[in-house]
Amino acid sequence: MLKLLLLSLLQCACLALGQVFLKIAMSKAEKFCFEWEIIKSYLTNWHLLYSGLCMTAAMLIWFYILRHFEFSVAYPLTSFSYVFGVLAAVWIFGEAVPLTRWIGLGLIVLGTFLLLK
């Protein structure tokens, strides 16, 4: 179970990091339209590339998890990506998170650990 937990945490961290890079990329991107200069700006956006790389890594780890572990245990562990997402929102984007959201995240963590018992 420890291997599954560590792989799931890595997969969720890659997924959340990909979303962070996507948020940064979209905040710097121009409004999309089918003009070459706009398309070129998207294709040369490094944050968008990093987002794709992180999400691809998350997908490959998920393939491994699906191949080697029970789906009924593995799938609920993906909820850790919510935890990583909120932590990124606070630490990277400086967002304020209300107490009720922290309680919800605590329940997610508690629920996933109960699932592994």
PDB file of N, CA and C in Angstrom:
ATOM      1  N   MET A   1       0.809  -1.211   0.000  1.00  0.00           N
ATOM      2  CA  MET A   1       0.000   0.000   0.000  1.00  0.00           C
ATOM      3  C   MET A   1       0.850   1.272   0.000  1.00  0.00           C
ATOM      4  N   LEU A   2       2.033   1.190   0.640  1.00  0.00           N
ATOM      5  CA  LEU A   2       2.894   2.369   0.681  1.00  0.00           C
ATOM      6  C   LEU A   2       3.326   2.773  -0.721  1.00  0.00           C
ATOM      7  N   LYS A   3       3.627   1.772  -1.557  1.00  0.00           N
ATOM      8  CA  LYS A   3       4.017   2.075  -2.938  1.00  0.00           C
ATOM      9  C   LYS A   3       2.889   2.785  -3.678  1.00  0.00           C
ATOM     10  N   LEU A   4       1.673   2.288  -3.501  1.00  0.00           N
ATOM     11  CA  LEU A   4       0.520   2.926  -4.139  1.00  0.00           C
ATOM     12  C   LEU A   4       0.337   4.354  -3.639  1.00  0.00           C
ATOM     13  N   LEU A   5       0.459   4.550  -2.345  1.00  0.00           N
ATOM     14  CA  LEU A   5       0.291   5.886  -1.781  1.00  0.00           C
ATOM     15  C   LEU A   5       1.344   6.851  -2.334  1.00  0.00           C
ATOM     16  N   LEU A   6       2.592   6.420  -2.362  1.00  0.00           N
ATOM     17  CA  LEU A   6       3.659   7.294  -2.863  1.00  0.00           C
ATOM     18  C   LEU A   6       3.491   7.594  -4.351  1.00  0.00           C
ATOM     19  N   LEU A   7       3.144   6.585  -5.137  1.00  0.00           N
ATOM     20  CA  LEU A   7       2.900   6.812  -6.560  1.00  0.00           C
ATOM     21  C   LEU A   7       1.714   7.748  -6.778  1.00  0.00           C
ATOM     22  N   SER A   8       0.670   7.557  -5.986  1.00  0.00           N
ATOM     23  CA  SER A   8      -0.515   8.419  -6.118  1.00  0.00           C
ATOM     24  C   SER A   8      -0.193   9.862  -5.747  1.00  0.00           C
ATOM     25  N   LEU A   9       0.588  10.043  -4.692  1.00  0.00           N
ATOM     26  CA  LEU A   9       0.982  11.404  -4.309  1.00  0.00           C
ATOM     27  C   LEU A   9       1.823  12.056  -5.406  1.00  0.00           C
ATOM     28  N   LEU A  10       2.722  11.286  -6.015  1.00  0.00           N
ATOM     29  CA  LEU A  10       3.531  11.811  -7.114  1.00  0.00           C
ATOM     30  C   LEU A  10       2.651  12.155  -8.312  1.00  0.00           C
ATOM     31  N   GLN A  11       1.723  11.268  -8.623  1.00  0.00           N
ATOM     32  CA  GLN A  11       0.815  11.506  -9.750  1.00  0.00           C
ATOM     33  C   GLN A  11      -0.032  12.749  -9.507  1.00  0.00           C
ATOM     34  N   CYS A  12      -0.547  12.899  -8.303  1.00  0.00           N
ATOM     35  CA  CYS A  12      -1.364  14.066  -7.971  1.00  0.00           C
ATOM     36  C   CYS A  12      -0.540  15.349  -7.966  1.00  0.00           C
ATOM     37  N   ALA A  13       0.697  15.264  -7.501  1.00  0.00           N
ATOM     38  CA  ALA A  13       1.568  16.442  -7.509  1.00  0.00           C
ATOM     39  C   ALA A  13       1.871  16.865  -8.940  1.00  0.00           C
ATOM     40  N   CYS A  14       2.136  15.905  -9.817  1.00  0.00           N
ATOM     41  CA  CYS A  14       2.379  16.234 -11.231  1.00  0.00           C
ATOM     42  C   CYS A  14       1.140  16.866 -11.858  1.00  0.00           C
ATOM     43  N   LEU A  15      -0.012  16.314 -11.555  1.00  0.00           N
ATOM     44  CA  LEU A  15      -1.264  16.846 -12.093  1.00  0.00           C
ATOM     45  C   LEU A  15      -1.514  18.276 -11.601  1.00  0.00           C
ATOM     46  N   ALA A  16      -1.325  18.503 -10.313  1.00  0.00           N
ATOM     47  CA  ALA A  16      -1.537  19.837  -9.760  1.00  0.00           C
ATOM     48  C   ALA A  16      -0.515  20.829 -10.309  1.00  0.00           C
ATOM     49  N   LEU A  17       0.738  20.400 -10.432  1.00  0.00           N
ATOM     50  CA  LEU A  17       1.765  21.283 -10.989  1.00  0.00           C
ATOM     51  C   LEU A  17       1.445  21.627 -12.436  1.00  0.00           C
ATOM     52  N   GLY A  18       0.937  20.656 -13.173  1.00  0.00           N
ATOM     53  CA  GLY A  18       0.501  20.932 -14.543  1.00  0.00           C
ATOM     54  C   GLY A  18      -0.591  21.986 -14.582  1.00  0.00           C
ATOM     55  N   GLN A  19      -1.519  21.917 -13.644  1.00  0.00           N
ATOM     56  CA  GLN A  19      -2.590  22.917 -13.582  1.00  0.00           C
ATOM     57  C   GLN A  19      -2.054  24.290 -13.192  1.00  0.00           C
ATOM     58  N   VAL A  20      -1.052  24.314 -12.315  1.00  0.00           N
ATOM     59  CA  VAL A  20      -0.429  25.587 -11.933  1.00  0.00           C
ATOM     60  C   VAL A  20       0.219  26.229 -13.160  1.00  0.00           C
ATOM     61  N   PHE A  21       0.990  25.435 -13.908  1.00  0.00           N
ATOM     62  CA  PHE A  21       1.611  25.968 -15.129  1.00  0.00           C
ATOM     63  C   PHE A  21       0.556  26.407 -16.140  1.00  0.00           C
ATOM     64  N   LEU A  22      -0.553  25.674 -16.232  1.00  0.00           N
ATOM     65  CA  LEU A  22      -1.622  26.061 -17.148  1.00  0.00           C
ATOM     66  C   LEU A  22      -2.242  27.390 -16.729  1.00  0.00           C
ATOM     67  N   LYS A  23      -2.459  27.582 -15.446  1.00  0.00           N
ATOM     68  CA  LYS A  23      -3.008  28.852 -14.943  1.00  0.00           C
ATOM     69  C   LYS A  23      -2.066  30.007 -15.275  1.00  0.00           C
ATOM     70  N   ILE A  24      -0.767  29.803 -15.059  1.00  0.00           N
ATOM     71  CA  ILE A  24       0.208  30.848 -15.373  1.00  0.00           C
ATOM     72  C   ILE A  24       0.209  31.118 -16.873  1.00  0.00           C
ATOM     73  N   ALA A  25       0.195  30.060 -17.674  1.00  0.00           N
ATOM     74  CA  ALA A  25       0.199  30.221 -19.132  1.00  0.00           C
ATOM     75  C   ALA A  25      -1.023  30.991 -19.605  1.00  0.00           C
ATOM     76  N   MET A  26      -2.183  30.653 -19.064  1.00  0.00           N
ATOM     77  CA  MET A  26      -3.413  31.315 -19.517  1.00  0.00           C
ATOM     78  C   MET A  26      -3.493  32.759 -19.035  1.00  0.00           C
ATOM     79  N   SER A  27      -2.867  33.050 -17.906  1.00  0.00           N
ATOM     80  CA  SER A  27      -2.881  34.436 -17.429  1.00  0.00           C
ATOM     81  C   SER A  27      -1.998  35.330 -18.299  1.00  0.00           C
ATOM     82  N   LYS A  28      -1.015  34.724 -18.982  1.00  0.00           N
ATOM     83  CA  LYS A  28      -0.123  35.496 -19.856  1.00  0.00           C
ATOM     84  C   LYS A  28      -0.551  35.467 -21.320  1.00  0.00           C
ATOM     85  N   ALA A  29      -1.475  34.589 -21.646  1.00  0.00           N
ATOM     86  CA  ALA A  29      -1.868  34.393 -23.041  1.00  0.00           C
ATOM     87  C   ALA A  29      -2.862  35.452 -23.503  1.00  0.00           C
ATOM     88  N   GLU A  30      -2.794  35.703 -24.782  1.00  0.00           N
ATOM     89  CA  GLU A  30      -3.777  36.604 -25.394  1.00  0.00           C
ATOM     90  C   GLU A  30      -5.063  35.819 -25.655  1.00  0.00           C
ATOM     91  N   LYS A  31      -6.143  36.544 -25.887  1.00  0.00           N
ATOM     92  CA  LYS A  31      -7.403  35.893 -26.215  1.00  0.00           C
ATOM     93  C   LYS A  31      -7.207  35.095 -27.497  1.00  0.00           C
ATOM     94  N   PHE A  32      -7.646  33.831 -27.470  1.00  0.00           N
ATOM     95  CA  PHE A  32      -7.390  32.963 -28.613  1.00  0.00           C
ATOM     96  C   PHE A  32      -8.262  33.327 -29.802  1.00  0.00           C
ATOM     97  N   CYS A  33      -7.635  33.331 -30.974  1.00  0.00           N
ATOM     98  CA  CYS A  33      -8.334  33.422 -32.249  1.00  0.00           C
ATOM     99  C   CYS A  33      -7.429  32.772 -33.292  1.00  0.00           C
ATOM    100  N   PHE A  34      -7.961  32.496 -34.454  1.00  0.00           N
ATOM    101  CA  PHE A  34      -7.200  31.792 -35.478  1.00  0.00           C
ATOM    102  C   PHE A  34      -6.390  32.768 -36.334  1.00  0.00           C
ATOM    103  N   GLU A  35      -5.489  33.458 -35.689  1.00  0.00           N
ATOM    104  CA  GLU A  35      -4.521  34.303 -36.380  1.00  0.00           C
ATOM    105  C   GLU A  35      -3.144  33.752 -36.052  1.00  0.00           C
ATOM    106  N   TRP A  36      -2.258  33.753 -37.036  1.00  0.00           N
ATOM    107  CA  TRP A  36      -0.958  33.121 -36.866  1.00  0.00           C
ATOM    108  C   TRP A  36      -0.189  33.686 -35.674  1.00  0.00           C
ATOM    109  N   GLU A  37      -0.177  34.967 -35.465  1.00  0.00           N
ATOM    110  CA  GLU A  37       0.586  35.549 -34.362  1.00  0.00           C
ATOM    111  C   GLU A  37       0.068  35.077 -32.999  1.00  0.00           C
ATOM    112  N   ILE A  38      -1.233  34.958 -32.883  1.00  0.00           N
ATOM    113  CA  ILE A  38      -1.821  34.480 -31.624  1.00  0.00           C
ATOM    114  C   ILE A  38      -1.496  33.001 -31.424  1.00  0.00           C
ATOM    115  N   ILE A  39      -1.659  32.197 -32.467  1.00  0.00           N
ATOM    116  CA  ILE A  39      -1.346  30.771 -32.384  1.00  0.00           C
ATOM    117  C   ILE A  39       0.135  30.584 -32.055  1.00  0.00           C
ATOM    118  N   LYS A  40       0.998  31.379 -32.690  1.00  0.00           N
ATOM    119  CA  LYS A  40       2.434  31.293 -32.432  1.00  0.00           C
ATOM    120  C   LYS A  40       2.744  31.628 -30.969  1.00  0.00           C
ATOM    121  N   SER A  41       2.032  32.605 -30.410  1.00  0.00           N
ATOM    122  CA  SER A  41       2.274  32.965 -29.013  1.00  0.00           C
ATOM    123  C   SER A  41       1.900  31.814 -28.075  1.00  0.00           C
ATOM    124  N   TYR A  42       0.862  31.041 -28.437  1.00  0.00           N
ATOM    125  CA  TYR A  42       0.492  29.870 -27.641  1.00  0.00           C
ATOM    126  C   TYR A  42       1.538  28.762 -27.782  1.00  0.00           C
ATOM    127  N   LEU A  43       2.016  28.560 -29.007  1.00  0.00           N
ATOM    128  CA  LEU A  43       2.983  27.492 -29.257  1.00  0.00           C
ATOM    129  C   LEU A  43       4.348  27.765 -28.632  1.00  0.00           C
ATOM    130  N   THR A  44       4.644  29.018 -28.364  1.00  0.00           N
ATOM    131  CA  THR A  44       5.939  29.367 -27.774  1.00  0.00           C
ATOM    132  C   THR A  44       5.818  29.746 -26.299  1.00  0.00           C
ATOM    133  N   ASN A  45       4.694  29.455 -25.701  1.00  0.00           N
ATOM    134  CA  ASN A  45       4.472  29.728 -24.282  1.00  0.00           C
ATOM    135  C   ASN A  45       5.072  28.574 -23.470  1.00  0.00           C
ATOM    136  N   TRP A  46       6.193  28.825 -22.807  1.00  0.00           N
ATOM    137  CA  TRP A  46       6.901  27.778 -22.074  1.00  0.00           C
ATOM    138  C   TRP A  46       6.079  27.216 -20.925  1.00  0.00           C
ATOM    139  N   HIS A  47       5.284  28.042 -20.301  1.00  0.00           N
ATOM    140  CA  HIS A  47       4.453  27.534 -19.199  1.00  0.00           C
ATOM    141  C   HIS A  47       3.439  26.515 -19.715  1.00  0.00           C
ATOM    142  N   LEU A  48       2.954  26.738 -20.929  1.00  0.00           N
ATOM    143  CA  LEU A  48       2.021  25.799 -21.529  1.00  0.00           C
ATOM    144  C   LEU A  48       2.730  24.474 -21.826  1.00  0.00           C
ATOM    145  N   LEU A  49       3.965  24.536 -22.277  1.00  0.00           N
ATOM    146  CA  LEU A  49       4.750  23.327 -22.509  1.00  0.00           C
ATOM    147  C   LEU A  49       4.995  22.571 -21.202  1.00  0.00           C
ATOM    148  N   TYR A  50       5.387  23.286 -20.156  1.00  0.00           N
ATOM    149  CA  TYR A  50       5.614  22.653 -18.857  1.00  0.00           C
ATOM    150  C   TYR A  50       4.332  22.012 -18.330  1.00  0.00           C
ATOM    151  N   SER A  51       3.210  22.675 -18.568  1.00  0.00           N
ATOM    152  CA  SER A  51       1.926  22.123 -18.162  1.00  0.00           C
ATOM    153  C   SER A  51       1.689  20.780 -18.846  1.00  0.00           C
ATOM    154  N   GLY A  52       1.905  20.748 -20.134  1.00  0.00           N
ATOM    155  CA  GLY A  52       1.727  19.507 -20.884  1.00  0.00           C
ATOM    156  C   GLY A  52       2.663  18.407 -20.424  1.00  0.00           C
ATOM    157  N   LEU A  53       3.908  18.760 -20.135  1.00  0.00           N
ATOM    158  CA  LEU A  53       4.876  17.766 -19.655  1.00  0.00           C
ATOM    159  C   LEU A  53       4.471  17.195 -18.295  1.00  0.00           C
ATOM    160  N   CYS A  54       4.027  18.072 -17.398  1.00  0.00           N
ATOM    161  CA  CYS A  54       3.596  17.612 -16.069  1.00  0.00           C
ATOM    162  C   CYS A  54       2.369  16.722 -16.173  1.00  0.00           C
ATOM    163  N   MET A  55       1.426  17.115 -17.012  1.00  0.00           N
ATOM    164  CA  MET A  55       0.209  16.316 -17.153  1.00  0.00           C
ATOM    165  C   MET A  55       0.500  14.984 -17.845  1.00  0.00           C
ATOM    166  N   THR A  56       1.454  14.985 -18.775  1.00  0.00           N
ATOM    167  CA  THR A  56       1.855  13.727 -19.404  1.00  0.00           C
ATOM    168  C   THR A  56       2.515  12.805 -18.384  1.00  0.00           C
ATOM    169  N   ALA A  57       3.372  13.348 -17.540  1.00  0.00           N
ATOM    170  CA  ALA A  57       3.988  12.547 -16.482  1.00  0.00           C
ATOM    171  C   ALA A  57       2.922  11.971 -15.561  1.00  0.00           C
ATOM    172  N   ALA A  58       1.940  12.789 -15.191  1.00  0.00           N
ATOM    173  CA  ALA A  58       0.847  12.317 -14.330  1.00  0.00           C
ATOM    174  C   ALA A  58       0.082  11.190 -15.008  1.00  0.00           C
ATOM    175  N   MET A  59      -0.146  11.325 -16.305  1.00  0.00           N
ATOM    176  CA  MET A  59      -0.877  10.297 -17.042  1.00  0.00           C
ATOM    177  C   MET A  59      -0.083   8.987 -17.088  1.00  0.00           C
ATOM    178  N   LEU A  60       1.223   9.060 -17.306  1.00  0.00           N
ATOM    179  CA  LEU A  60       2.044   7.850 -17.362  1.00  0.00           C
ATOM    180  C   LEU A  60       2.101   7.146 -16.006  1.00  0.00           C
ATOM    181  N   ILE A  61       2.196   7.928 -14.950  1.00  0.00           N
ATOM    182  CA  ILE A  61       2.161   7.340 -13.606  1.00  0.00           C
ATOM    183  C   ILE A  61       0.804   6.691 -13.362  1.00  0.00           C
ATOM    184  N   TRP A  62      -0.264   7.341 -13.821  1.00  0.00           N
ATOM    185  CA  TRP A  62      -1.608   6.799 -13.654  1.00  0.00           C
ATOM    186  C   TRP A  62      -1.754   5.482 -14.424  1.00  0.00           C
ATOM    187  N   PHE A  63      -1.163   5.398 -15.615  1.00  0.00           N
ATOM    188  CA  PHE A  63      -1.185   4.143 -16.368  1.00  0.00           C
ATOM    189  C   PHE A  63      -0.570   3.017 -15.539  1.00  0.00           C
ATOM    190  N   TYR A  64       0.566   3.307 -14.912  1.00  0.00           N
ATOM    191  CA  TYR A  64       1.248   2.309 -14.090  1.00  0.00           C
ATOM    192  C   TYR A  64       0.371   1.893 -12.906  1.00  0.00           C
ATOM    193  N   ILE A  65      -0.210   2.886 -12.257  1.00  0.00           N
ATOM    194  CA  ILE A  65      -1.077   2.605 -11.106  1.00  0.00           C
ATOM    195  C   ILE A  65      -2.254   1.727 -11.521  1.00  0.00           C
ATOM    196  N   LEU A  66      -2.892   2.066 -12.630  1.00  0.00           N
ATOM    197  CA  LEU A  66      -4.038   1.278 -13.090  1.00  0.00           C
ATOM    198  C   LEU A  66      -3.649  -0.155 -13.423  1.00  0.00           C
ATOM    199  N   ARG A  67      -2.466  -0.324 -13.934  1.00  0.00           N
ATOM    200  CA  ARG A  67      -2.005  -1.665 -14.320  1.00  0.00           C
ATOM    201  C   ARG A  67      -1.708  -2.551 -13.107  1.00  0.00           C
ATOM    202  N   HIS A  68      -1.230  -1.941 -12.011  1.00  0.00           N
ATOM    203  CA  HIS A  68      -0.704  -2.742 -10.909  1.00  0.00           C
ATOM    204  C   HIS A  68      -1.523  -2.715  -9.616  1.00  0.00           C
ATOM    205  N   PHE A  69      -2.545  -1.885  -9.528  1.00  0.00           N
ATOM    206  CA  PHE A  69      -3.282  -1.766  -8.267  1.00  0.00           C
ATOM    207  C   PHE A  69      -4.786  -1.816  -8.520  1.00  0.00           C
ATOM    208  N   GLU A  70      -5.522  -2.103  -7.472  1.00  0.00           N
ATOM    209  CA  GLU A  70      -6.983  -2.155  -7.575  1.00  0.00           C
ATOM    210  C   GLU A  70      -7.546  -0.752  -7.823  1.00  0.00           C
ATOM    211  N   PHE A  71      -8.449  -0.671  -8.770  1.00  0.00           N
ATOM    212  CA  PHE A  71      -9.053   0.608  -9.137  1.00  0.00           C
ATOM    213  C   PHE A  71      -9.835   1.208  -7.972  1.00  0.00           C
ATOM    214  N   SER A  72     -10.512   0.341  -7.205  1.00  0.00           N
ATOM    215  CA  SER A  72     -11.352   0.833  -6.100  1.00  0.00           C
ATOM    216  C   SER A  72     -10.537   1.495  -4.997  1.00  0.00           C
ATOM    217  N   VAL A  73      -9.248   1.196  -4.933  1.00  0.00           N
ATOM    218  CA  VAL A  73      -8.377   1.842  -3.955  1.00  0.00           C
ATOM    219  C   VAL A  73      -7.625   2.996  -4.605  1.00  0.00           C
ATOM    220  N   ALA A  74      -7.168   2.783  -5.839  1.00  0.00           N
ATOM    221  CA  ALA A  74      -6.338   3.785  -6.513  1.00  0.00           C
ATOM    222  C   ALA A  74      -7.107   5.057  -6.861  1.00  0.00           C
ATOM    223  N   TYR A  75      -8.307   4.899  -7.383  1.00  0.00           N
ATOM    224  CA  TYR A  75      -9.026   6.082  -7.875  1.00  0.00           C
ATOM    225  C   TYR A  75      -9.338   7.113  -6.785  1.00  0.00           C
ATOM    226  N   PRO A  76      -9.812   6.704  -5.613  1.00  0.00           N
ATOM    227  CA  PRO A  76     -10.064   7.721  -4.582  1.00  0.00           C
ATOM    228  C   PRO A  76      -8.809   8.490  -4.156  1.00  0.00           C
ATOM    229  N   LEU A  77      -7.637   7.891  -4.326  1.00  0.00           N
ATOM    230  CA  LEU A  77      -6.404   8.586  -3.948  1.00  0.00           C
ATOM    231  C   LEU A  77      -6.111   9.786  -4.855  1.00  0.00           C
ATOM    232  N   THR A  78      -6.749   9.831  -6.007  1.00  0.00           N
ATOM    233  CA  THR A  78      -6.546  10.995  -6.883  1.00  0.00           C
ATOM    234  C   THR A  78      -7.109  12.268  -6.259  1.00  0.00           C
ATOM    235  N   SER A  79      -7.895  12.125  -5.216  1.00  0.00           N
ATOM    236  CA  SER A  79      -8.442  13.311  -4.550  1.00  0.00           C
ATOM    237  C   SER A  79      -7.357  14.158  -3.894  1.00  0.00           C
ATOM    238  N   PHE A  80      -6.163  13.592  -3.718  1.00  0.00           N
ATOM    239  CA  PHE A  80      -5.058  14.389  -3.181  1.00  0.00           C
ATOM    240  C   PHE A  80      -4.689  15.539  -4.108  1.00  0.00           C
ATOM    241  N   SER A  81      -5.054  15.443  -5.378  1.00  0.00           N
ATOM    242  CA  SER A  81      -4.760  16.558  -6.285  1.00  0.00           C
ATOM    243  C   SER A  81      -5.508  17.821  -5.847  1.00  0.00           C
ATOM    244  N   TYR A  82      -6.672  17.670  -5.215  1.00  0.00           N
ATOM    245  CA  TYR A  82      -7.384  18.836  -4.675  1.00  0.00           C
ATOM    246  C   TYR A  82      -6.576  19.497  -3.565  1.00  0.00           C
ATOM    247  N   VAL A  83      -5.981  18.673  -2.725  1.00  0.00           N
ATOM    248  CA  VAL A  83      -5.170  19.194  -1.625  1.00  0.00           C
ATOM    249  C   VAL A  83      -3.985  19.970  -2.193  1.00  0.00           C
ATOM    250  N   PHE A  84      -3.278  19.356  -3.141  1.00  0.00           N
ATOM    251  CA  PHE A  84      -2.133  20.036  -3.750  1.00  0.00           C
ATOM    252  C   PHE A  84      -2.558  21.311  -4.473  1.00  0.00           C
ATOM    253  N   GLY A  85      -3.735  21.280  -5.091  1.00  0.00           N
ATOM    254  CA  GLY A  85      -4.232  22.467  -5.790  1.00  0.00           C
ATOM    255  C   GLY A  85      -4.494  23.634  -4.852  1.00  0.00           C
ATOM    256  N   VAL A  86      -5.094  23.350  -3.720  1.00  0.00           N
ATOM    257  CA  VAL A  86      -5.360  24.423  -2.750  1.00  0.00           C
ATOM    258  C   VAL A  86      -4.060  24.943  -2.149  1.00  0.00           C
ATOM    259  N   LEU A  87      -3.130  24.048  -1.856  1.00  0.00           N
ATOM    260  CA  LEU A  87      -1.829  24.496  -1.352  1.00  0.00           C
ATOM    261  C   LEU A  87      -1.117  25.386  -2.374  1.00  0.00           C
ATOM    262  N   ALA A  88      -1.202  25.025  -3.637  1.00  0.00           N
ATOM    263  CA  ALA A  88      -0.610  25.858  -4.694  1.00  0.00           C
ATOM    264  C   ALA A  88      -1.319  27.206  -4.785  1.00  0.00           C
ATOM    265  N   ALA A  89      -2.630  27.195  -4.630  1.00  0.00           N
ATOM    266  CA  ALA A  89      -3.377  28.449  -4.676  1.00  0.00           C
ATOM    267  C   ALA A  89      -2.907  29.407  -3.591  1.00  0.00           C
ATOM    268  N   VAL A  90      -2.614  28.871  -2.423  1.00  0.00           N
ATOM    269  CA  VAL A  90      -2.158  29.697  -1.301  1.00  0.00           C
ATOM    270  C   VAL A  90      -0.714  30.131  -1.501  1.00  0.00           C
ATOM    271  N   TRP A  91       0.174  29.171  -1.759  1.00  0.00           N
ATOM    272  CA  TRP A  91       1.611  29.463  -1.793  1.00  0.00           C
ATOM    273  C   TRP A  91       2.070  30.155  -3.066  1.00  0.00           C
ATOM    274  N   ILE A  92       1.476  29.805  -4.201  1.00  0.00           N
ATOM    275  CA  ILE A  92       1.952  30.352  -5.478  1.00  0.00           C
ATOM    276  C   ILE A  92       1.141  31.565  -5.897  1.00  0.00           C
ATOM    277  N   PHE A  93      -0.169  31.482  -5.756  1.00  0.00           N
ATOM    278  CA  PHE A  93      -1.032  32.560  -6.244  1.00  0.00           C
ATOM    279  C   PHE A  93      -1.496  33.506  -5.151  1.00  0.00           C
ATOM    280  N   GLY A  94      -1.173  33.199  -3.899  1.00  0.00           N
ATOM    281  CA  GLY A  94      -1.520  34.088  -2.797  1.00  0.00           C
ATOM    282  C   GLY A  94      -3.014  34.210  -2.533  1.00  0.00           C
ATOM    283  N   GLU A  95      -3.759  33.180  -2.864  1.00  0.00           N
ATOM    284  CA  GLU A  95      -5.214  33.219  -2.653  1.00  0.00           C
ATOM    285  C   GLU A  95      -5.552  32.967  -1.182  1.00  0.00           C
ATOM    286  N   ALA A  96      -6.631  33.559  -0.746  1.00  0.00           N
ATOM    287  CA  ALA A  96      -7.136  33.315   0.609  1.00  0.00           C
ATOM    288  C   ALA A  96      -8.072  32.112   0.567  1.00  0.00           C
ATOM    289  N   VAL A  97      -7.900  31.200   1.507  1.00  0.00           N
ATOM    290  CA  VAL A  97      -8.726  29.999   1.551  1.00  0.00           C
ATOM    291  C   VAL A  97      -9.516  30.013   2.853  1.00  0.00           C
ATOM    292  N   PRO A  98     -10.842  29.948   2.771  1.00  0.00           N
ATOM    293  CA  PRO A  98     -11.653  29.991   3.995  1.00  0.00           C
ATOM    294  C   PRO A  98     -11.511  28.707   4.820  1.00  0.00           C
ATOM    295  N   LEU A  99     -11.833  28.811   6.075  1.00  0.00           N
ATOM    296  CA  LEU A  99     -11.723  27.706   7.017  1.00  0.00           C
ATOM    297  C   LEU A  99     -12.518  26.487   6.555  1.00  0.00           C
ATOM    298  N   THR A 100     -13.685  26.694   6.011  1.00  0.00           N
ATOM    299  CA  THR A 100     -14.509  25.559   5.577  1.00  0.00           C
ATOM    300  C   THR A 100     -13.803  24.737   4.498  1.00  0.00           C
ATOM    301  N   ARG A 101     -13.048  25.387   3.633  1.00  0.00           N
ATOM    302  CA  ARG A 101     -12.305  24.661   2.600  1.00  0.00           C
ATOM    303  C   ARG A 101     -11.168  23.845   3.228  1.00  0.00           C
ATOM    304  N   TRP A 102     -10.505  24.419   4.249  1.00  0.00           N
ATOM    305  CA  TRP A 102      -9.455  23.673   4.943  1.00  0.00           C
ATOM    306  C   TRP A 102     -10.042  22.450   5.634  1.00  0.00           C
ATOM    307  N   ILE A 103     -11.217  22.594   6.219  1.00  0.00           N
ATOM    308  CA  ILE A 103     -11.878  21.460   6.866  1.00  0.00           C
ATOM    309  C   ILE A 103     -12.197  20.387   5.821  1.00  0.00           C
ATOM    310  N   GLY A 104     -12.692  20.816   4.678  1.00  0.00           N
ATOM    311  CA  GLY A 104     -12.978  19.872   3.594  1.00  0.00           C
ATOM    312  C   GLY A 104     -11.739  19.124   3.134  1.00  0.00           C
ATOM    313  N   LEU A 105     -10.621  19.844   3.025  1.00  0.00           N
ATOM    314  CA  LEU A 105      -9.373  19.185   2.634  1.00  0.00           C
ATOM    315  C   LEU A 105      -8.920  18.192   3.702  1.00  0.00           C
ATOM    316  N   GLY A 106      -9.095  18.567   4.965  1.00  0.00           N
ATOM    317  CA  GLY A 106      -8.760  17.641   6.051  1.00  0.00           C
ATOM    318  C   GLY A 106      -9.597  16.369   5.976  1.00  0.00           C
ATOM    319  N   LEU A 107     -10.858  16.516   5.625  1.00  0.00           N
ATOM    320  CA  LEU A 107     -11.728  15.349   5.479  1.00  0.00           C
ATOM    321  C   LEU A 107     -11.296  14.475   4.301  1.00  0.00           C
ATOM    322  N   ILE A 108     -10.844  15.100   3.233  1.00  0.00           N
ATOM    323  CA  ILE A 108     -10.328  14.332   2.090  1.00  0.00           C
ATOM    324  C   ILE A 108      -9.127  13.502   2.517  1.00  0.00           C
ATOM    325  N   VAL A 109      -8.193  14.129   3.212  1.00  0.00           N
ATOM    326  CA  VAL A 109      -6.992  13.416   3.661  1.00  0.00           C
ATOM    327  C   VAL A 109      -7.377  12.285   4.622  1.00  0.00           C
ATOM    328  N   LEU A 110      -8.249  12.580   5.567  1.00  0.00           N
ATOM    329  CA  LEU A 110      -8.695  11.557   6.509  1.00  0.00           C
ATOM    330  C   LEU A 110      -9.379  10.401   5.779  1.00  0.00           C
ATOM    331  N   GLY A 111     -10.234  10.730   4.844  1.00  0.00           N
ATOM    332  CA  GLY A 111     -10.939   9.695   4.086  1.00  0.00           C
ATOM    333  C   GLY A 111     -10.004   8.812   3.281  1.00  0.00           C
ATOM    334  N   THR A 112      -8.980   9.399   2.688  1.00  0.00           N
ATOM    335  CA  THR A 112      -8.054   8.579   1.905  1.00  0.00           C
ATOM    336  C   THR A 112      -7.225   7.671   2.799  1.00  0.00           C
ATOM    337  N   PHE A 113      -6.846   8.156   3.966  1.00  0.00           N
ATOM    338  CA  PHE A 113      -6.106   7.284   4.886  1.00  0.00           C
ATOM    339  C   PHE A 113      -6.988   6.166   5.430  1.00  0.00           C
ATOM    340  N   LEU A 114      -8.261   6.456   5.677  1.00  0.00           N
ATOM    341  CA  LEU A 114      -9.187   5.388   6.088  1.00  0.00           C
ATOM    342  C   LEU A 114      -9.363   4.362   4.982  1.00  0.00           C
ATOM    343  N   LEU A 115      -9.346   4.809   3.773  1.00  0.00           N
ATOM    344  CA  LEU A 115      -9.474   3.926   2.622  1.00  0.00           C
ATOM    345  C   LEU A 115      -8.307   2.945   2.556  1.00  0.00           C
ATOM    346  N   LEU A 116      -7.139   3.392   2.943  1.00  0.00           N
ATOM    347  CA  LEU A 116      -5.953   2.544   2.869  1.00  0.00           C
ATOM    348  C   LEU A 116      -5.849   1.548   4.032  1.00  0.00           C
ATOM    349  N   LYS A 117      -6.638   1.720   5.064  1.00  0.00           N
ATOM    350  CA  LYS A 117      -6.569   0.816   6.229  1.00  0.00           C
ATOM    351  C   LYS A 117      -7.238  -0.504   5.934  1.00  0.00           C
TER     352      LYS A 117
END
